[in-house]
Amino acid sequence: MTLVHRLTVDGRDYFLPDPVTDLKRQILEAIKDGGGYVNIPPLRGGPGIDILFSPGMPVTWSQIDVGGEPAERDDKGGSAVEDEFGL
């Protein structure tokens, strides 16, 4: 199974490769500090993009299975992959 992470910031989607743990930490720190720029790496090569994150900004994460075996589901129909940040 290949997972691609989708980060949606203020209605715009950014697709990211694994791992995203450090990126999630950077975004959370920027928001907790009252705002700050975080570099969002590209899915395939390139410099990425700097986004200014601030408190109250709508940010969502989702995971997309882009190939291989069907993703395992828990008994509630959600993904079996846990989000260590609870976001």
PDB file of N, CA and C in Angstrom:
ATOM      1  N   MET A   1       0.847  -1.173   0.000  1.00  0.00           N
ATOM      2  CA  MET A   1       0.000   0.000   0.000  1.00  0.00           C
ATOM      3  C   MET A   1       0.892   1.235   0.000  1.00  0.00           C
ATOM      4  N   THR A   2       0.607   2.173  -0.870  1.00  0.00           N
ATOM      5  CA  THR A   2       1.322   3.431  -0.942  1.00  0.00           C
ATOM      6  C   THR A   2       0.387   4.538  -0.490  1.00  0.00           C
ATOM      7  N   LEU A   3       0.807   5.247   0.543  1.00  0.00           N
ATOM      8  CA  LEU A   3      -0.008   6.348   1.063  1.00  0.00           C
ATOM      9  C   LEU A   3       0.537   7.684   0.592  1.00  0.00           C
ATOM     10  N   VAL A   4      -0.360   8.537   0.169  1.00  0.00           N
ATOM     11  CA  VAL A   4      -0.029   9.926  -0.113  1.00  0.00           C
ATOM     12  C   VAL A   4      -0.845  10.743   0.867  1.00  0.00           C
ATOM     13  N   HIS A   5      -0.213  11.715   1.448  1.00  0.00           N
ATOM     14  CA  HIS A   5      -0.897  12.567   2.425  1.00  0.00           C
ATOM     15  C   HIS A   5      -1.365  13.823   1.722  1.00  0.00           C
ATOM     16  N   ARG A   6      -2.600  14.227   2.011  1.00  0.00           N
ATOM     17  CA  ARG A   6      -3.144  15.465   1.463  1.00  0.00           C
ATOM     18  C   ARG A   6      -3.279  16.463   2.607  1.00  0.00           C
ATOM     19  N   LEU A   7      -2.614  17.574   2.454  1.00  0.00           N
ATOM     20  CA  LEU A   7      -2.699  18.678   3.402  1.00  0.00           C
ATOM     21  C   LEU A   7      -3.554  19.743   2.735  1.00  0.00           C
ATOM     22  N   THR A   8      -4.661  20.110   3.364  1.00  0.00           N
ATOM     23  CA  THR A   8      -5.527  21.156   2.831  1.00  0.00           C
ATOM     24  C   THR A   8      -5.403  22.376   3.735  1.00  0.00           C
ATOM     25  N   VAL A   9      -4.949  23.469   3.146  1.00  0.00           N
ATOM     26  CA  VAL A   9      -4.736  24.709   3.879  1.00  0.00           C
ATOM     27  C   VAL A   9      -5.567  25.797   3.212  1.00  0.00           C
ATOM     28  N   ASP A  10      -6.541  26.298   3.945  1.00  0.00           N
ATOM     29  CA  ASP A  10      -7.376  27.388   3.448  1.00  0.00           C
ATOM     30  C   ASP A  10      -7.968  27.065   2.070  1.00  0.00           C
ATOM     31  N   GLY A  11      -8.400  25.803   1.901  1.00  0.00           N
ATOM     32  CA  GLY A  11      -9.053  25.374   0.671  1.00  0.00           C
ATOM     33  C   GLY A  11      -8.136  24.903  -0.444  1.00  0.00           C
ATOM     34  N   ARG A  12      -6.834  24.972  -0.264  1.00  0.00           N
ATOM     35  CA  ARG A  12      -5.879  24.522  -1.281  1.00  0.00           C
ATOM     36  C   ARG A  12      -5.257  23.199  -0.844  1.00  0.00           C
ATOM     37  N   ASP A  13      -5.135  22.258  -1.791  1.00  0.00           N
ATOM     38  CA  ASP A  13      -4.593  20.932  -1.496  1.00  0.00           C
ATOM     39  C   ASP A  13      -3.119  20.842  -1.871  1.00  0.00           C
ATOM     40  N   TYR A  14      -2.350  20.183  -0.987  1.00  0.00           N
ATOM     41  CA  TYR A  14      -0.934  19.897  -1.214  1.00  0.00           C
ATOM     42  C   TYR A  14      -0.747  18.411  -0.949  1.00  0.00           C
ATOM     43  N   PHE A  15      -0.157  17.703  -1.910  1.00  0.00           N
ATOM     44  CA  PHE A  15       0.039  16.264  -1.783  1.00  0.00           C
ATOM     45  C   PHE A  15       1.474  16.001  -1.376  1.00  0.00           C
ATOM     46  N   LEU A  16       1.644  15.172  -0.333  1.00  0.00           N
ATOM     47  CA  LEU A  16       2.948  14.974   0.289  1.00  0.00           C
ATOM     48  C   LEU A  16       3.296  13.495   0.388  1.00  0.00           C
ATOM     49  N   PRO A  17       4.576  13.158   0.239  1.00  0.00           N
ATOM     50  CA  PRO A  17       5.008  11.778   0.438  1.00  0.00           C
ATOM     51  C   PRO A  17       5.222  11.495   1.920  1.00  0.00           C
ATOM     52  N   ASP A  18       5.283  10.219   2.281  1.00  0.00           N
ATOM     53  CA  ASP A  18       5.650   9.811   3.638  1.00  0.00           C
ATOM     54  C   ASP A  18       7.117  10.140   3.851  1.00  0.00           C
ATOM     55  N   PRO A  19       7.579  10.383   5.035  1.00  0.00           N
ATOM     56  CA  PRO A  19       6.859  10.599   6.286  1.00  0.00           C
ATOM     57  C   PRO A  19       6.458  12.065   6.445  1.00  0.00           C
ATOM     58  N   VAL A  20       5.420  12.305   7.218  1.00  0.00           N
ATOM     59  CA  VAL A  20       4.948  13.670   7.447  1.00  0.00           C
ATOM     60  C   VAL A  20       4.995  14.057   8.925  1.00  0.00           C
ATOM     61  N   THR A  21       5.538  13.190   9.750  1.00  0.00           N
ATOM     62  CA  THR A  21       5.571  13.432  11.193  1.00  0.00           C
ATOM     63  C   THR A  21       6.272  14.748  11.536  1.00  0.00           C
ATOM     64  N   ASP A  22       7.442  14.983  10.949  1.00  0.00           N
ATOM     65  CA  ASP A  22       8.186  16.202  11.252  1.00  0.00           C
ATOM     66  C   ASP A  22       7.450  17.437  10.723  1.00  0.00           C
ATOM     67  N   LEU A  23       6.848  17.320   9.554  1.00  0.00           N
ATOM     68  CA  LEU A  23       6.092  18.431   8.980  1.00  0.00           C
ATOM     69  C   LEU A  23       4.894  18.790   9.863  1.00  0.00           C
ATOM     70  N   LYS A  24       4.188  17.786  10.367  1.00  0.00           N
ATOM     71  CA  LYS A  24       3.060  18.045  11.271  1.00  0.00           C
ATOM     72  C   LYS A  24       3.531  18.781  12.518  1.00  0.00           C
ATOM     73  N   ARG A  25       4.678  18.365  13.039  1.00  0.00           N
ATOM     74  CA  ARG A  25       5.236  19.004  14.228  1.00  0.00           C
ATOM     75  C   ARG A  25       5.570  20.472  13.940  1.00  0.00           C
ATOM     76  N   GLN A  26       6.190  20.746  12.774  1.00  0.00           N
ATOM     77  CA  GLN A  26       6.551  22.116  12.406  1.00  0.00           C
ATOM     78  C   GLN A  26       5.314  23.003  12.268  1.00  0.00           C
ATOM     79  N   ILE A  27       4.269  22.473  11.650  1.00  0.00           N
ATOM     80  CA  ILE A  27       3.034  23.245  11.471  1.00  0.00           C
ATOM     81  C   ILE A  27       2.394  23.537  12.820  1.00  0.00           C
ATOM     82  N   LEU A  28       2.325  22.525  13.679  1.00  0.00           N
ATOM     83  CA  LEU A  28       1.739  22.704  15.000  1.00  0.00           C
ATOM     84  C   LEU A  28       2.521  23.739  15.814  1.00  0.00           C
ATOM     85  N   GLU A  29       3.858  23.687  15.751  1.00  0.00           N
ATOM     86  CA  GLU A  29       4.685  24.665  16.468  1.00  0.00           C
ATOM     87  C   GLU A  29       4.455  26.079  15.937  1.00  0.00           C
ATOM     88  N   ALA A  30       4.369  26.216  14.605  1.00  0.00           N
ATOM     89  CA  ALA A  30       4.141  27.548  14.020  1.00  0.00           C
ATOM     90  C   ALA A  30       2.814  28.126  14.495  1.00  0.00           C
ATOM     91  N   ILE A  31       1.797  27.302  14.546  1.00  0.00           N
ATOM     92  CA  ILE A  31       0.478  27.770  14.992  1.00  0.00           C
ATOM     93  C   ILE A  31       0.500  28.127  16.473  1.00  0.00           C
ATOM     94  N   LYS A  32       1.120  27.271  17.291  1.00  0.00           N
ATOM     95  CA  LYS A  32       1.196  27.536  18.732  1.00  0.00           C
ATOM     96  C   LYS A  32       1.993  28.801  19.038  1.00  0.00           C
ATOM     97  N   ASP A  33       2.989  29.111  18.186  1.00  0.00           N
ATOM     98  CA  ASP A  33       3.816  30.300  18.385  1.00  0.00           C
ATOM     99  C   ASP A  33       3.149  31.576  17.877  1.00  0.00           C
ATOM    100  N   GLY A  34       1.912  31.466  17.399  1.00  0.00           N
ATOM    101  CA  GLY A  34       1.199  32.641  16.918  1.00  0.00           C
ATOM    102  C   GLY A  34       1.308  32.852  15.413  1.00  0.00           C
ATOM    103  N   GLY A  35       2.027  31.975  14.737  1.00  0.00           N
ATOM    104  CA  GLY A  35       2.160  32.047  13.282  1.00  0.00           C
ATOM    105  C   GLY A  35       3.595  31.909  12.847  1.00  0.00           C
ATOM    106  N   GLY A  36       3.775  31.412  11.639  1.00  0.00           N
ATOM    107  CA  GLY A  36       5.112  31.269  11.090  1.00  0.00           C
ATOM    108  C   GLY A  36       5.081  30.518   9.767  1.00  0.00           C
ATOM    109  N   TYR A  37       6.159  30.685   8.999  1.00  0.00           N
ATOM    110  CA  TYR A  37       6.276  30.003   7.715  1.00  0.00           C
ATOM    111  C   TYR A  37       6.789  28.578   7.906  1.00  0.00           C
ATOM    112  N   VAL A  38       6.225  27.653   7.125  1.00  0.00           N
ATOM    113  CA  VAL A  38       6.675  26.265   7.106  1.00  0.00           C
ATOM    114  C   VAL A  38       6.826  25.880   5.642  1.00  0.00           C
ATOM    115  N   ASN A  39       7.959  25.239   5.302  1.00  0.00           N
ATOM    116  CA  ASN A  39       8.175  24.789   3.936  1.00  0.00           C
ATOM    117  C   ASN A  39       7.465  23.466   3.724  1.00  0.00           C
ATOM    118  N   ILE A  40       6.577  23.426   2.739  1.00  0.00           N
ATOM    119  CA  ILE A  40       5.835  22.223   2.395  1.00  0.00           C
ATOM    120  C   ILE A  40       6.576  21.567   1.225  1.00  0.00           C
ATOM    121  N   PRO A  41       7.145  20.372   1.442  1.00  0.00           N
ATOM    122  CA  PRO A  41       7.924  19.737   0.379  1.00  0.00           C
ATOM    123  C   PRO A  41       7.021  19.261  -0.759  1.00  0.00           C
ATOM    124  N   PRO A  42       7.564  19.206  -1.974  1.00  0.00           N
ATOM    125  CA  PRO A  42       6.773  18.741  -3.107  1.00  0.00           C
ATOM    126  C   PRO A  42       6.631  17.221  -3.089  1.00  0.00           C
ATOM    127  N   LEU A  43       5.627  16.716  -3.789  1.00  0.00           N
ATOM    128  CA  LEU A  43       5.446  15.275  -3.910  1.00  0.00           C
ATOM    129  C   LEU A  43       6.580  14.667  -4.723  1.00  0.00           C
ATOM    130  N   ARG A  44       7.018  15.378  -5.756  1.00  0.00           N
ATOM    131  CA  ARG A  44       8.108  14.889  -6.620  1.00  0.00           C
ATOM    132  C   ARG A  44       9.081  16.015  -6.931  1.00  0.00           C
ATOM    133  N   GLY A  45      10.205  16.061  -6.275  1.00  0.00           N
ATOM    134  CA  GLY A  45      11.260  17.012  -6.582  1.00  0.00           C
ATOM    135  C   GLY A  45      10.843  18.475  -6.531  1.00  0.00           C
ATOM    136  N   GLY A  46      11.839  19.352  -6.524  1.00  0.00           N
ATOM    137  CA  GLY A  46      11.573  20.783  -6.500  1.00  0.00           C
ATOM    138  C   GLY A  46      11.760  21.374  -5.121  1.00  0.00           C
ATOM    139  N   PRO A  47      11.654  22.697  -5.026  1.00  0.00           N
ATOM    140  CA  PRO A  47      11.920  23.383  -3.767  1.00  0.00           C
ATOM    141  C   PRO A  47      10.773  23.378  -2.761  1.00  0.00           C
ATOM    142  N   GLY A  48       9.584  23.041  -3.174  1.00  0.00           N
ATOM    143  CA  GLY A  48       8.445  23.113  -2.264  1.00  0.00           C
ATOM    144  C   GLY A  48       7.879  24.518  -2.238  1.00  0.00           C
ATOM    145  N   ILE A  49       7.051  24.756  -1.239  1.00  0.00           N
ATOM    146  CA  ILE A  49       6.392  26.065  -1.123  1.00  0.00           C
ATOM    147  C   ILE A  49       6.339  26.450   0.353  1.00  0.00           C
ATOM    148  N   ASP A  50       6.591  27.709   0.642  1.00  0.00           N
ATOM    149  CA  ASP A  50       6.501  28.217   2.011  1.00  0.00           C
ATOM    150  C   ASP A  50       5.089  28.735   2.244  1.00  0.00           C
ATOM    151  N   ILE A  51       4.467  28.251   3.317  1.00  0.00           N
ATOM    152  CA  ILE A  51       3.114  28.676   3.670  1.00  0.00           C
ATOM    153  C   ILE A  51       3.153  29.296   5.058  1.00  0.00           C
ATOM    154  N   LEU A  52       2.491  30.439   5.208  1.00  0.00           N
ATOM    155  CA  LEU A  52       2.378  31.094   6.510  1.00  0.00           C
ATOM    156  C   LEU A  52       1.185  30.485   7.244  1.00  0.00           C
ATOM    157  N   PHE A  53       1.459  29.767   8.323  1.00  0.00           N
ATOM    158  CA  PHE A  53       0.406  29.177   9.156  1.00  0.00           C
ATOM    159  C   PHE A  53       0.150  30.097  10.334  1.00  0.00           C
ATOM    160  N   SER A  54      -1.130  30.255  10.679  1.00  0.00           N
ATOM    161  CA  SER A  54      -1.478  31.099  11.810  1.00  0.00           C
ATOM    162  C   SER A  54      -2.663  30.494  12.555  1.00  0.00           C
ATOM    163  N   PRO A  55      -2.841  30.870  13.822  1.00  0.00           N
ATOM    164  CA  PRO A  55      -3.971  30.352  14.587  1.00  0.00           C
ATOM    165  C   PRO A  55      -5.290  30.672  13.885  1.00  0.00           C
ATOM    166  N   GLY A  56      -6.196  29.727  13.883  1.00  0.00           N
ATOM    167  CA  GLY A  56      -7.503  29.919  13.274  1.00  0.00           C
ATOM    168  C   GLY A  56      -7.554  29.576  11.799  1.00  0.00           C
ATOM    169  N   MET A  57      -6.400  29.305  11.194  1.00  0.00           N
ATOM    170  CA  MET A  57      -6.366  28.959   9.777  1.00  0.00           C
ATOM    171  C   MET A  57      -6.891  27.541   9.595  1.00  0.00           C
ATOM    172  N   PRO A  58      -7.804  27.325   8.635  1.00  0.00           N
ATOM    173  CA  PRO A  58      -8.344  25.984   8.418  1.00  0.00           C
ATOM    174  C   PRO A  58      -7.299  25.065   7.776  1.00  0.00           C
ATOM    175  N   VAL A  59      -6.886  24.023   8.524  1.00  0.00           N
ATOM    176  CA  VAL A  59      -5.892  23.058   8.067  1.00  0.00           C
ATOM    177  C   VAL A  59      -6.435  21.659   8.323  1.00  0.00           C
ATOM    178  N   THR A  60      -6.427  20.804   7.297  1.00  0.00           N
ATOM    179  CA  THR A  60      -6.852  19.410   7.473  1.00  0.00           C
ATOM    180  C   THR A  60      -5.841  18.480   6.814  1.00  0.00           C
ATOM    181  N   TRP A  61      -5.736  17.269   7.377  1.00  0.00           N
ATOM    182  CA  TRP A  61      -4.872  16.217   6.846  1.00  0.00           C
ATOM    183  C   TRP A  61      -5.744  15.041   6.449  1.00  0.00           C
ATOM    184  N   SER A  62      -5.397  14.390   5.362  1.00  0.00           N
ATOM    185  CA  SER A  62      -6.046  13.133   5.003  1.00  0.00           C
ATOM    186  C   SER A  62      -5.017  12.251   4.321  1.00  0.00           C
ATOM    187  N   GLN A  63      -5.305  10.947   4.305  1.00  0.00           N
ATOM    188  CA  GLN A  63      -4.416   9.981   3.677  1.00  0.00           C
ATOM    189  C   GLN A  63      -5.146   9.317   2.525  1.00  0.00           C
ATOM    190  N   ILE A  64      -4.430   9.126   1.413  1.00  0.00           N
ATOM    191  CA  ILE A  64      -5.014   8.514   0.233  1.00  0.00           C
ATOM    192  C   ILE A  64      -4.170   7.306  -0.146  1.00  0.00           C
ATOM    193  N   ASP A  65      -4.814   6.153  -0.316  1.00  0.00           N
ATOM    194  CA  ASP A  65      -4.133   4.953  -0.778  1.00  0.00           C
ATOM    195  C   ASP A  65      -4.102   5.008  -2.299  1.00  0.00           C
ATOM    196  N   VAL A  66      -2.905   5.071  -2.890  1.00  0.00           N
ATOM    197  CA  VAL A  66      -2.788   5.235  -4.337  1.00  0.00           C
ATOM    198  C   VAL A  66      -2.357   3.971  -5.070  1.00  0.00           C
ATOM    199  N   GLY A  67      -2.503   2.828  -4.433  1.00  0.00           N
ATOM    200  CA  GLY A  67      -2.162   1.601  -5.140  1.00  0.00           C
ATOM    201  C   GLY A  67      -2.035   0.429  -4.202  1.00  0.00           C
ATOM    202  N   GLY A  68      -1.878  -0.744  -4.782  1.00  0.00           N
ATOM    203  CA  GLY A  68      -1.675  -1.944  -3.997  1.00  0.00           C
ATOM    204  C   GLY A  68      -2.966  -2.495  -3.449  1.00  0.00           C
ATOM    205  N   GLU A  69      -2.864  -3.195  -2.340  1.00  0.00           N
ATOM    206  CA  GLU A  69      -3.994  -3.851  -1.693  1.00  0.00           C
ATOM    207  C   GLU A  69      -4.977  -2.826  -1.144  1.00  0.00           C
ATOM    208  N   PRO A  70      -6.265  -3.165  -1.110  1.00  0.00           N
ATOM    209  CA  PRO A  70      -7.227  -2.250  -0.466  1.00  0.00           C
ATOM    210  C   PRO A  70      -6.830  -2.015   0.985  1.00  0.00           C
ATOM    211  N   ALA A  71      -6.979  -0.787   1.427  1.00  0.00           N
ATOM    212  CA  ALA A  71      -6.612  -0.425   2.801  1.00  0.00           C
ATOM    213  C   ALA A  71      -7.465  -1.192   3.797  1.00  0.00           C
ATOM    214  N   GLU A  72      -6.823  -1.610   4.888  1.00  0.00           N
ATOM    215  CA  GLU A  72      -7.575  -2.267   5.952  1.00  0.00           C
ATOM    216  C   GLU A  72      -8.421  -1.235   6.662  1.00  0.00           C
ATOM    217  N   ARG A  73      -9.626  -1.602   7.021  1.00  0.00           N
ATOM    218  CA  ARG A  73     -10.531  -0.682   7.701  1.00  0.00           C
ATOM    219  C   ARG A  73     -10.826  -1.210   9.097  1.00  0.00           C
ATOM    220  N   ASP A  74     -11.050  -0.294  10.025  1.00  0.00           N
ATOM    221  CA  ASP A  74     -11.485  -0.731  11.336  1.00  0.00           C
ATOM    222  C   ASP A  74     -12.989  -1.005  11.281  1.00  0.00           C
ATOM    223  N   ASP A  75     -13.565  -1.470  12.369  1.00  0.00           N
ATOM    224  CA  ASP A  75     -14.977  -1.839  12.359  1.00  0.00           C
ATOM    225  C   ASP A  75     -15.915  -0.631  12.254  1.00  0.00           C
ATOM    226  N   LYS A  76     -15.396   0.598  12.302  1.00  0.00           N
ATOM    227  CA  LYS A  76     -16.228   1.786  12.150  1.00  0.00           C
ATOM    228  C   LYS A  76     -16.140   2.349  10.736  1.00  0.00           C
ATOM    229  N   GLY A  77     -15.358   1.691   9.849  1.00  0.00           N
ATOM    230  CA  GLY A  77     -15.245   2.141   8.470  1.00  0.00           C
ATOM    231  C   GLY A  77     -14.123   3.126   8.235  1.00  0.00           C
ATOM    232  N   GLY A  78     -13.346   3.457   9.261  1.00  0.00           N
ATOM    233  CA  GLY A  78     -12.247   4.401   9.098  1.00  0.00           C
ATOM    234  C   GLY A  78     -10.959   3.684   8.777  1.00  0.00           C
ATOM    235  N   SER A  79      -9.939   4.437   8.514  1.00  0.00           N
ATOM    236  CA  SER A  79      -8.636   3.873   8.203  1.00  0.00           C
ATOM    237  C   SER A  79      -8.018   3.276   9.455  1.00  0.00           C
ATOM    238  N   ALA A  80      -7.282   2.192   9.280  1.00  0.00           N
ATOM    239  CA  ALA A  80      -6.625   1.539  10.404  1.00  0.00           C
ATOM    240  C   ALA A  80      -5.352   2.279  10.811  1.00  0.00           C
ATOM    241  N   VAL A  81      -4.899   3.234  10.010  1.00  0.00           N
ATOM    242  CA  VAL A  81      -3.695   3.986  10.316  1.00  0.00           C
ATOM    243  C   VAL A  81      -4.030   5.052  11.355  1.00  0.00           C
ATOM    244  N   GLU A  82      -3.270   5.057  12.460  1.00  0.00           N
ATOM    245  CA  GLU A  82      -3.542   6.022  13.520  1.00  0.00           C
ATOM    246  C   GLU A  82      -2.718   7.287  13.307  1.00  0.00           C
ATOM    247  N   ASP A  83      -3.274   8.398  13.661  1.00  0.00           N
ATOM    248  CA  ASP A  83      -2.595   9.683  13.598  1.00  0.00           C
ATOM    249  C   ASP A  83      -2.051   9.980  14.987  1.00  0.00           C
ATOM    250  N   GLU A  84      -0.716   9.982  15.105  1.00  0.00           N
ATOM    251  CA  GLU A  84      -0.082  10.143  16.421  1.00  0.00           C
ATOM    252  C   GLU A  84      -0.301  11.497  17.031  1.00  0.00           C
ATOM    253  N   PHE A  85      -0.759  12.482  16.249  1.00  0.00           N
ATOM    254  CA  PHE A  85      -1.009  13.806  16.794  1.00  0.00           C
ATOM    255  C   PHE A  85      -2.464  14.033  17.158  1.00  0.00           C
ATOM    256  N   GLY A  86      -3.343  13.126  16.752  1.00  0.00           N
ATOM    257  CA  GLY A  86      -4.760  13.286  17.036  1.00  0.00           C
ATOM    258  C   GLY A  86      -5.406  14.423  16.263  1.00  0.00           C
ATOM    259  N   LEU A  87      -4.793  14.817  15.126  1.00  0.00           N
ATOM    260  CA  LEU A  87      -5.326  15.919  14.327  1.00  0.00           C
ATOM    261  C   LEU A  87      -6.277  15.396  13.287  1.00  0.00           C
TER     262      LEU A  87
END
